[in-house]
Amino acid sequence: MLLDQETENEIVYELCQLLGRAILPVSRFDRPGASAGGFGTAFFYTELVGSTDDGEVVHEWLLTADTATRAPYGEIGLRPSVTEPADAASEHILMPDFANRWLHLPEVGVAAMPTGGLHGYAEDRGWRWRTQQVTDAVAARADAIARVGADPSAAFVLALGVADDGSRPLEAVIERVVRDGDDLRVTTELPAGYVGAPVFGVEPPAEGELALHCLGLLLPGDGDGHRVARFDRIRSALAAAVAS
C-alpha cells in the first residue's frame, strides 16, 4: 500500500526509535590495514524456536547479505548507543577468517552469525551489548509477503550508509517495493553500505492500525533496483541449515 508523506515520515521516525540499535555496520577486506572491499549493514534477529514453563525460547542471529561476508577479514562496527557503558568498546571488532564465522545460506543470498561469540567478546572486555532486535513477530511470514503485489507499495530501509569521511551514519529511506515474479524488489538503486539492511513494509490490519513487517533483507543491486531476500525463505533456510 502507498501512504501519504506525513505517515511515511512518522514511520521512519518510529523505525529509528524502535530498531535503530538493531543494525550494525560491516565491512570486508583482504588483509588488516587494507582499504575496505565492500560495505554492508547487518541486523539482529531473534528467532522463536519454542516455549517452556519459564517463557519463550529464542535464538539470536546477526543477519546480512552473503556477499558482505565473503572475505578473509571483516569488521563489525560499533556505535556508543549499542554498548553499555556507552563508549566502553573500540569502534570496531576485527575478525580474521571472516567468511567462516557465518552460516551461509546461498539459496536465499543471506549469511547468519550466531551471536554467542559477540556477547562473549563483550563480556571478556568488560562491557555488554545494548541492542534492539527484529523480532520473530515483526519478521514477515508468507501470508504478509504474498499480499505485496505488482503495484508499488511503500517500503522503508533502515541502514548504515557510508559518508565521505568513512563514518557510517544511521539512515532510513522511503522506497517502493513490488512483486517481481516470485521475488520482492526495491525499485531504486541504493547507496554503498545498504546491502544487507532490513526492508520493512506496512499493511492495515482489521482493527485499522498500520502493521509493520520486516519483509526481508536487501540484496546487492542488479541495475534494476535490489531483490529482497524474503523473510519466509530466510526462516526456512535457517531451519534447514540448523537441522543439518
C-alpha atoms as a PDB file:
ATOM      1  CA  MET A   1       0.000   0.000   0.000  1.00  0.00           C
ATOM      2  CA  LEU A   2       1.061   3.599  -0.610  1.00  0.00           C
ATOM      3  CA  LEU A   3       0.994   6.164   2.179  1.00  0.00           C
ATOM      4  CA  ASP A   4       0.860   9.930   2.439  1.00  0.00           C
ATOM      5  CA  GLN A   5       4.129  11.726   3.148  1.00  0.00           C
ATOM      6  CA  GLU A   6       3.256  12.605   6.745  1.00  0.00           C
ATOM      7  CA  THR A   7       2.531   8.962   7.590  1.00  0.00           C
ATOM      8  CA  GLU A   8       5.729   7.827   5.855  1.00  0.00           C
ATOM      9  CA  ASN A   9       7.761  10.307   7.896  1.00  0.00           C
ATOM     10  CA  GLU A  10       6.123   9.109  11.110  1.00  0.00           C
ATOM     11  CA  ILE A  11       7.031   5.513  10.281  1.00  0.00           C
ATOM     12  CA  VAL A  12      10.643   6.499   9.575  1.00  0.00           C
ATOM     13  CA  TYR A  13      10.830   8.189  12.974  1.00  0.00           C
ATOM     14  CA  GLU A  14       9.329   5.163  14.734  1.00  0.00           C
ATOM     15  CA  LEU A  15      11.701   2.779  12.940  1.00  0.00           C
ATOM     16  CA  CYS A  16      14.732   4.743  14.082  1.00  0.00           C
ATOM     17  CA  GLN A  17      13.436   4.750  17.671  1.00  0.00           C
ATOM     18  CA  LEU A  18      12.386   1.091  17.787  1.00  0.00           C
ATOM     19  CA  LEU A  19      15.129  -0.525  15.705  1.00  0.00           C
ATOM     20  CA  GLY A  20      17.976   1.955  15.294  1.00  0.00           C
ATOM     21  CA  ARG A  21      20.093  -0.152  17.666  1.00  0.00           C
ATOM     22  CA  ALA A  22      19.268  -3.371  15.785  1.00  0.00           C
ATOM     23  CA  ILE A  23      21.684  -2.619  12.968  1.00  0.00           C
ATOM     24  CA  LEU A  24      25.484  -2.705  12.774  1.00  0.00           C
ATOM     25  CA  PRO A  25      27.899  -1.708  10.001  1.00  0.00           C
ATOM     26  CA  VAL A  26      30.005  -4.428   8.406  1.00  0.00           C
ATOM     27  CA  SER A  27      32.932  -4.155   6.022  1.00  0.00           C
ATOM     28  CA  ARG A  28      35.202  -6.684   4.373  1.00  0.00           C
ATOM     29  CA  PHE A  29      38.804  -6.549   3.177  1.00  0.00           C
ATOM     30  CA  ASP A  30      41.692  -8.743   2.100  1.00  0.00           C
ATOM     31  CA  ARG A  31      44.126  -8.000   4.933  1.00  0.00           C
ATOM     32  CA  PRO A  32      44.383  -5.782   8.030  1.00  0.00           C
ATOM     33  CA  GLY A  33      45.062  -2.178   7.090  1.00  0.00           C
ATOM     34  CA  ALA A  34      43.819  -2.587   3.511  1.00  0.00           C
ATOM     35  CA  SER A  35      41.040  -0.463   2.082  1.00  0.00           C
ATOM     36  CA  ALA A  36      37.606  -1.975   2.535  1.00  0.00           C
ATOM     37  CA  GLY A  37      36.494  -4.128  -0.363  1.00  0.00           C
ATOM     38  CA  GLY A  38      32.828  -3.572   0.397  1.00  0.00           C
ATOM     39  CA  PHE A  39      30.404  -2.201   2.954  1.00  0.00           C
ATOM     40  CA  GLY A  40      27.132  -3.553   4.267  1.00  0.00           C
ATOM     41  CA  THR A  41      24.589  -3.447   7.070  1.00  0.00           C
ATOM     42  CA  ALA A  42      23.790  -6.328   9.415  1.00  0.00           C
ATOM     43  CA  PHE A  43      20.926  -6.605  11.886  1.00  0.00           C
ATOM     44  CA  PHE A  44      19.976  -8.605  14.960  1.00  0.00           C
ATOM     45  CA  TYR A  45      17.102 -11.055  14.555  1.00  0.00           C
ATOM     46  CA  THR A  46      15.551 -13.122  17.344  1.00  0.00           C
ATOM     47  CA  GLU A  47      14.026 -16.373  16.118  1.00  0.00           C
ATOM     48  CA  LEU A  48      11.314 -18.007  18.224  1.00  0.00           C
ATOM     49  CA  VAL A  49      12.126 -21.720  18.447  1.00  0.00           C
ATOM     50  CA  GLY A  50       9.824 -22.918  21.250  1.00  0.00           C
ATOM     51  CA  SER A  51       8.497 -22.262  24.715  1.00  0.00           C
ATOM     52  CA  THR A  52       8.843 -23.662  28.206  1.00  0.00           C
ATOM     53  CA  ASP A  53       7.177 -23.035  31.539  1.00  0.00           C
ATOM     54  CA  ASP A  54       9.724 -20.256  32.043  1.00  0.00           C
ATOM     55  CA  GLY A  55       8.856 -18.468  28.797  1.00  0.00           C
ATOM     56  CA  GLU A  56       9.782 -18.357  25.134  1.00  0.00           C
ATOM     57  CA  VAL A  57      12.970 -19.894  23.781  1.00  0.00           C
ATOM     58  CA  VAL A  58      14.690 -17.750  21.150  1.00  0.00           C
ATOM     59  CA  HIS A  59      17.860 -17.889  19.099  1.00  0.00           C
ATOM     60  CA  GLU A  60      19.560 -14.599  18.253  1.00  0.00           C
ATOM     61  CA  TRP A  61      21.297 -14.153  14.910  1.00  0.00           C
ATOM     62  CA  LEU A  62      23.151 -11.377  13.134  1.00  0.00           C
ATOM     63  CA  LEU A  63      21.908 -11.355   9.523  1.00  0.00           C
ATOM     64  CA  THR A  64      23.346  -9.720   6.428  1.00  0.00           C
ATOM     65  CA  ALA A  65      23.728 -10.354   2.706  1.00  0.00           C
ATOM     66  CA  ASP A  66      26.036 -13.272   1.967  1.00  0.00           C
ATOM     67  CA  THR A  67      28.180 -11.144  -0.367  1.00  0.00           C
ATOM     68  CA  ALA A  68      29.074  -8.861   2.566  1.00  0.00           C
ATOM     69  CA  THR A  69      30.808 -11.746   4.362  1.00  0.00           C
ATOM     70  CA  ARG A  70      32.930 -13.301   1.602  1.00  0.00           C
ATOM     71  CA  ALA A  71      36.402 -12.091   2.576  1.00  0.00           C
ATOM     72  CA  PRO A  72      39.433 -13.215   4.611  1.00  0.00           C
ATOM     73  CA  TYR A  73      38.950 -10.326   7.056  1.00  0.00           C
ATOM     74  CA  GLY A  74      35.998  -8.296   8.204  1.00  0.00           C
ATOM     75  CA  GLU A  75      34.947  -5.674  10.700  1.00  0.00           C
ATOM     76  CA  ILE A  76      31.746  -5.261  12.640  1.00  0.00           C
ATOM     77  CA  GLY A  77      31.418  -1.626  13.605  1.00  0.00           C
ATOM     78  CA  LEU A  78      30.238  -0.366  16.981  1.00  0.00           C
ATOM     79  CA  ARG A  79      28.424   2.795  17.993  1.00  0.00           C
ATOM     80  CA  PRO A  80      28.170   4.239  21.530  1.00  0.00           C
ATOM     81  CA  SER A  81      24.417   3.602  21.519  1.00  0.00           C
ATOM     82  CA  VAL A  82      24.842  -0.195  21.244  1.00  0.00           C
ATOM     83  CA  THR A  83      27.257  -0.683  24.156  1.00  0.00           C
ATOM     84  CA  GLU A  84      26.796  -0.448  27.895  1.00  0.00           C
ATOM     85  CA  PRO A  85      28.528   1.596  29.211  1.00  0.00           C
ATOM     86  CA  ALA A  86      28.474   3.885  26.168  1.00  0.00           C
ATOM     87  CA  ASP A  87      31.905   4.275  24.543  1.00  0.00           C
ATOM     88  CA  ALA A  88      33.151   1.251  26.509  1.00  0.00           C
ATOM     89  CA  ALA A  89      34.276  -0.573  23.366  1.00  0.00           C
ATOM     90  CA  SER A  90      36.559   0.267  20.481  1.00  0.00           C
ATOM     91  CA  GLU A  91      34.986   1.452  17.256  1.00  0.00           C
ATOM     92  CA  HIS A  92      35.018  -1.962  15.596  1.00  0.00           C
ATOM     93  CA  ILE A  93      35.546  -5.675  16.073  1.00  0.00           C
ATOM     94  CA  LEU A  94      38.222  -7.027  13.747  1.00  0.00           C
ATOM     95  CA  MET A  95      37.523 -10.586  12.599  1.00  0.00           C
ATOM     96  CA  PRO A  96      40.092 -12.731  10.799  1.00  0.00           C
ATOM     97  CA  ASP A  97      38.743 -15.748   8.915  1.00  0.00           C
ATOM     98  CA  PHE A  98      35.626 -13.637   8.445  1.00  0.00           C
ATOM     99  CA  ALA A  99      33.768 -15.811   5.947  1.00  0.00           C
ATOM    100  CA  ASN A 100      33.956 -18.878   8.185  1.00  0.00           C
ATOM    101  CA  ARG A 101      32.278 -17.120  11.099  1.00  0.00           C
ATOM    102  CA  TRP A 102      28.943 -17.117   9.265  1.00  0.00           C
ATOM    103  CA  LEU A 103      26.378 -19.735   8.398  1.00  0.00           C
ATOM    104  CA  HIS A 104      25.966 -19.261   4.654  1.00  0.00           C
ATOM    105  CA  LEU A 105      22.530 -19.622   3.080  1.00  0.00           C
ATOM    106  CA  PRO A 106      23.320 -19.228  -0.639  1.00  0.00           C
ATOM    107  CA  GLU A 107      19.856 -20.315  -1.731  1.00  0.00           C
ATOM    108  CA  VAL A 108      18.489 -17.050  -0.321  1.00  0.00           C
ATOM    109  CA  GLY A 109      21.642 -14.911  -0.539  1.00  0.00           C
ATOM    110  CA  VAL A 110      21.908 -14.452   3.236  1.00  0.00           C
ATOM    111  CA  ALA A 111      24.546 -15.126   5.891  1.00  0.00           C
ATOM    112  CA  ALA A 112      23.711 -15.624   9.585  1.00  0.00           C
ATOM    113  CA  MET A 113      26.052 -15.419  12.576  1.00  0.00           C
ATOM    114  CA  PRO A 114      25.017 -16.857  15.966  1.00  0.00           C
ATOM    115  CA  THR A 115      25.560 -14.019  18.434  1.00  0.00           C
ATOM    116  CA  GLY A 116      27.011 -16.026  21.333  1.00  0.00           C
ATOM    117  CA  GLY A 117      30.537 -15.125  20.248  1.00  0.00           C
ATOM    118  CA  LEU A 118      29.687 -11.429  20.106  1.00  0.00           C
ATOM    119  CA  HIS A 119      28.278 -11.491  23.629  1.00  0.00           C
ATOM    120  CA  GLY A 120      31.328 -13.402  24.846  1.00  0.00           C
ATOM    121  CA  TYR A 121      33.631 -10.853  23.178  1.00  0.00           C
ATOM    122  CA  ALA A 122      31.900  -8.038  25.061  1.00  0.00           C
ATOM    123  CA  GLU A 123      31.909  -9.855  28.403  1.00  0.00           C
ATOM    124  CA  ASP A 124      35.638 -10.562  28.152  1.00  0.00           C
ATOM    125  CA  ARG A 125      36.268  -6.833  27.728  1.00  0.00           C
ATOM    126  CA  GLY A 126      34.002  -5.576  30.481  1.00  0.00           C
ATOM    127  CA  TRP A 127      31.027  -4.273  28.544  1.00  0.00           C
ATOM    128  CA  ARG A 128      27.743  -5.618  27.211  1.00  0.00           C
ATOM    129  CA  TRP A 129      25.568  -5.166  24.164  1.00  0.00           C
ATOM    130  CA  ARG A 130      22.626  -2.755  24.384  1.00  0.00           C
ATOM    131  CA  THR A 131      20.730  -3.590  21.219  1.00  0.00           C
ATOM    132  CA  GLN A 132      17.299  -3.893  19.730  1.00  0.00           C
ATOM    133  CA  GLN A 133      16.222  -6.802  17.512  1.00  0.00           C
ATOM    134  CA  VAL A 134      13.931  -7.524  14.628  1.00  0.00           C
ATOM    135  CA  THR A 135      11.748  -9.989  16.494  1.00  0.00           C
ATOM    136  CA  ASP A 136      10.050 -13.091  15.196  1.00  0.00           C
ATOM    137  CA  ALA A 137       6.716 -11.259  15.489  1.00  0.00           C
ATOM    138  CA  VAL A 138       7.896  -8.409  13.240  1.00  0.00           C
ATOM    139  CA  ALA A 139       9.590 -10.645  10.651  1.00  0.00           C
ATOM    140  CA  ALA A 140       7.027 -11.181   7.884  1.00  0.00           C
ATOM    141  CA  ARG A 141       5.524 -14.583   7.213  1.00  0.00           C
ATOM    142  CA  ALA A 142       4.447 -15.928   3.848  1.00  0.00           C
ATOM    143  CA  ASP A 143       0.898 -14.565   4.044  1.00  0.00           C
ATOM    144  CA  ALA A 144       2.052 -10.979   4.617  1.00  0.00           C
ATOM    145  CA  ILE A 145       4.636 -11.236   1.845  1.00  0.00           C
ATOM    146  CA  ALA A 146       2.032 -12.681  -0.520  1.00  0.00           C
ATOM    147  CA  ARG A 147      -0.013  -9.501  -0.152  1.00  0.00           C
ATOM    148  CA  VAL A 148       2.725  -7.423  -1.792  1.00  0.00           C
ATOM    149  CA  GLY A 149       1.603  -7.037  -5.371  1.00  0.00           C
ATOM    150  CA  ALA A 150       2.918  -5.819  -8.711  1.00  0.00           C
ATOM    151  CA  ASP A 151       1.829  -2.262  -7.948  1.00  0.00           C
ATOM    152  CA  PRO A 152       4.364  -0.278  -5.887  1.00  0.00           C
ATOM    153  CA  SER A 153       3.939  -0.284  -2.117  1.00  0.00           C
ATOM    154  CA  ALA A 154       5.714   1.810   0.494  1.00  0.00           C
ATOM    155  CA  ALA A 155       8.941   0.303   1.785  1.00  0.00           C
ATOM    156  CA  PHE A 156      11.362   1.524   4.429  1.00  0.00           C
ATOM    157  CA  VAL A 157      15.051   0.600   4.518  1.00  0.00           C
ATOM    158  CA  LEU A 158      16.993   1.074   7.759  1.00  0.00           C
ATOM    159  CA  ALA A 159      20.729   1.092   7.060  1.00  0.00           C
ATOM    160  CA  LEU A 160      24.153   2.473   7.908  1.00  0.00           C
ATOM    161  CA  GLY A 161      25.376   4.439   4.925  1.00  0.00           C
ATOM    162  CA  VAL A 162      28.949   5.423   4.083  1.00  0.00           C
ATOM    163  CA  ALA A 163      29.798   9.119   4.471  1.00  0.00           C
ATOM    164  CA  ASP A 164      32.627  10.896   2.666  1.00  0.00           C
ATOM    165  CA  ASP A 165      34.789  10.723   5.807  1.00  0.00           C
ATOM    166  CA  GLY A 166      34.236   6.971   6.120  1.00  0.00           C
ATOM    167  CA  SER A 167      31.777   7.221   9.030  1.00  0.00           C
ATOM    168  CA  ARG A 168      28.622   5.088   8.976  1.00  0.00           C
ATOM    169  CA  PRO A 169      25.575   7.270   9.756  1.00  0.00           C
ATOM    170  CA  LEU A 170      22.171   5.805  10.579  1.00  0.00           C
ATOM    171  CA  GLU A 171      19.868   6.345   7.615  1.00  0.00           C
ATOM    172  CA  ALA A 172      16.230   5.463   6.973  1.00  0.00           C
ATOM    173  CA  VAL A 173      14.939   5.870   3.439  1.00  0.00           C
ATOM    174  CA  ILE A 174      11.466   5.651   1.970  1.00  0.00           C
ATOM    175  CA  GLU A 175      11.347   3.499  -1.152  1.00  0.00           C
ATOM    176  CA  ARG A 176       8.937   1.370  -3.157  1.00  0.00           C
ATOM    177  CA  VAL A 177       8.702  -2.409  -3.219  1.00  0.00           C
ATOM    178  CA  VAL A 178       6.987  -4.552  -5.875  1.00  0.00           C
ATOM    179  CA  ARG A 179       6.468  -8.215  -6.575  1.00  0.00           C
ATOM    180  CA  ASP A 180       8.759  -9.432  -9.333  1.00  0.00           C
ATOM    181  CA  GLY A 181       7.646 -12.943 -10.231  1.00  0.00           C
ATOM    182  CA  ASP A 182       8.108 -14.893  -7.017  1.00  0.00           C
ATOM    183  CA  ASP A 183      10.516 -12.310  -5.594  1.00  0.00           C
ATOM    184  CA  LEU A 184      10.234  -8.903  -3.993  1.00  0.00           C
ATOM    185  CA  ARG A 185      12.210  -5.971  -5.362  1.00  0.00           C
ATOM    186  CA  VAL A 186      13.064  -2.487  -4.109  1.00  0.00           C
ATOM    187  CA  THR A 187      12.838  -0.427  -7.282  1.00  0.00           C
ATOM    188  CA  THR A 188      15.687   2.064  -6.618  1.00  0.00           C
ATOM    189  CA  GLU A 189      19.451   1.501  -6.587  1.00  0.00           C
ATOM    190  CA  LEU A 190      20.607   2.369  -3.074  1.00  0.00           C
ATOM    191  CA  PRO A 191      23.997   3.742  -1.922  1.00  0.00           C
ATOM    192  CA  ALA A 192      27.035   1.917  -0.573  1.00  0.00           C
ATOM    193  CA  GLY A 193      26.523   0.333   2.817  1.00  0.00           C
ATOM    194  CA  TYR A 194      22.852  -0.553   2.339  1.00  0.00           C
ATOM    195  CA  VAL A 195      23.323  -4.164   1.205  1.00  0.00           C
ATOM    196  CA  GLY A 196      22.133  -6.495   3.962  1.00  0.00           C
ATOM    197  CA  ALA A 197      19.829  -3.919   5.548  1.00  0.00           C
ATOM    198  CA  PRO A 198      16.312  -4.836   6.713  1.00  0.00           C
ATOM    199  CA  VAL A 199      13.422  -3.801   4.466  1.00  0.00           C
ATOM    200  CA  PHE A 200      10.067  -3.004   6.078  1.00  0.00           C
ATOM    201  CA  GLY A 201       6.545  -2.757   4.740  1.00  0.00           C
ATOM    202  CA  VAL A 202       3.175  -1.884   6.253  1.00  0.00           C
ATOM    203  CA  GLU A 203      -0.386  -3.047   5.838  1.00  0.00           C
ATOM    204  CA  PRO A 204      -3.682  -2.175   7.542  1.00  0.00           C
ATOM    205  CA  PRO A 205      -4.946  -4.963   9.822  1.00  0.00           C
ATOM    206  CA  ALA A 206      -8.603  -5.444  10.631  1.00  0.00           C
ATOM    207  CA  GLU A 207      -8.569  -3.017  13.578  1.00  0.00           C
ATOM    208  CA  GLY A 208      -7.377  -0.207  11.317  1.00  0.00           C
ATOM    209  CA  GLU A 209      -3.884   0.493  12.707  1.00  0.00           C
ATOM    210  CA  LEU A 210      -0.887   0.030  10.432  1.00  0.00           C
ATOM    211  CA  ALA A 211       1.050  -3.206  10.997  1.00  0.00           C
ATOM    212  CA  LEU A 212       4.802  -3.066  10.409  1.00  0.00           C
ATOM    213  CA  HIS A 213       6.551  -6.109   8.932  1.00  0.00           C
ATOM    214  CA  CYS A 214      10.192  -6.785   8.092  1.00  0.00           C
ATOM    215  CA  LEU A 215       9.785  -8.144   4.580  1.00  0.00           C
ATOM    216  CA  GLY A 216      13.374  -9.305   4.376  1.00  0.00           C
ATOM    217  CA  LEU A 217      16.916  -8.242   3.661  1.00  0.00           C
ATOM    218  CA  LEU A 218      18.323  -6.063   0.884  1.00  0.00           C
ATOM    219  CA  LEU A 219      20.458  -7.969  -1.645  1.00  0.00           C
ATOM    220  CA  PRO A 220      23.077  -6.376  -3.950  1.00  0.00           C
ATOM    221  CA  GLY A 221      21.851  -4.106  -6.716  1.00  0.00           C
ATOM    222  CA  ASP A 222      21.493  -5.582 -10.188  1.00  0.00           C
ATOM    223  CA  GLY A 223      20.914  -2.489 -12.321  1.00  0.00           C
ATOM    224  CA  ASP A 224      17.172  -2.523 -11.758  1.00  0.00           C
ATOM    225  CA  GLY A 225      16.999  -1.956  -8.025  1.00  0.00           C
ATOM    226  CA  HIS A 226      17.571  -4.667  -5.417  1.00  0.00           C
ATOM    227  CA  ARG A 227      15.997  -8.045  -4.861  1.00  0.00           C
ATOM    228  CA  VAL A 228      14.842  -8.625  -1.291  1.00  0.00           C
ATOM    229  CA  ALA A 229      15.644 -11.907   0.467  1.00  0.00           C
ATOM    230  CA  ARG A 230      12.154 -12.743   1.707  1.00  0.00           C
ATOM    231  CA  PHE A 231      11.852 -13.457   5.410  1.00  0.00           C
ATOM    232  CA  ASP A 232       9.734 -16.578   4.934  1.00  0.00           C
ATOM    233  CA  ARG A 233      12.590 -18.044   2.883  1.00  0.00           C
ATOM    234  CA  ILE A 234      15.198 -16.900   5.412  1.00  0.00           C
ATOM    235  CA  ARG A 235      13.299 -18.747   8.172  1.00  0.00           C
ATOM    236  CA  SER A 236      13.103 -21.925   6.112  1.00  0.00           C
ATOM    237  CA  ALA A 237      16.766 -21.797   5.091  1.00  0.00           C
ATOM    238  CA  LEU A 238      17.892 -21.211   8.687  1.00  0.00           C
ATOM    239  CA  ALA A 239      15.790 -24.107   9.953  1.00  0.00           C
ATOM    240  CA  ALA A 240      17.176 -26.460   7.289  1.00  0.00           C
ATOM    241  CA  ALA A 241      20.778 -25.403   7.937  1.00  0.00           C
ATOM    242  CA  VAL A 242      20.483 -25.794  11.699  1.00  0.00           C
ATOM    243  CA  ALA A 243      18.793 -29.179  11.343  1.00  0.00           C
ATOM    244  CA  SER A 244      21.598 -30.465   9.124  1.00  0.00           C
END
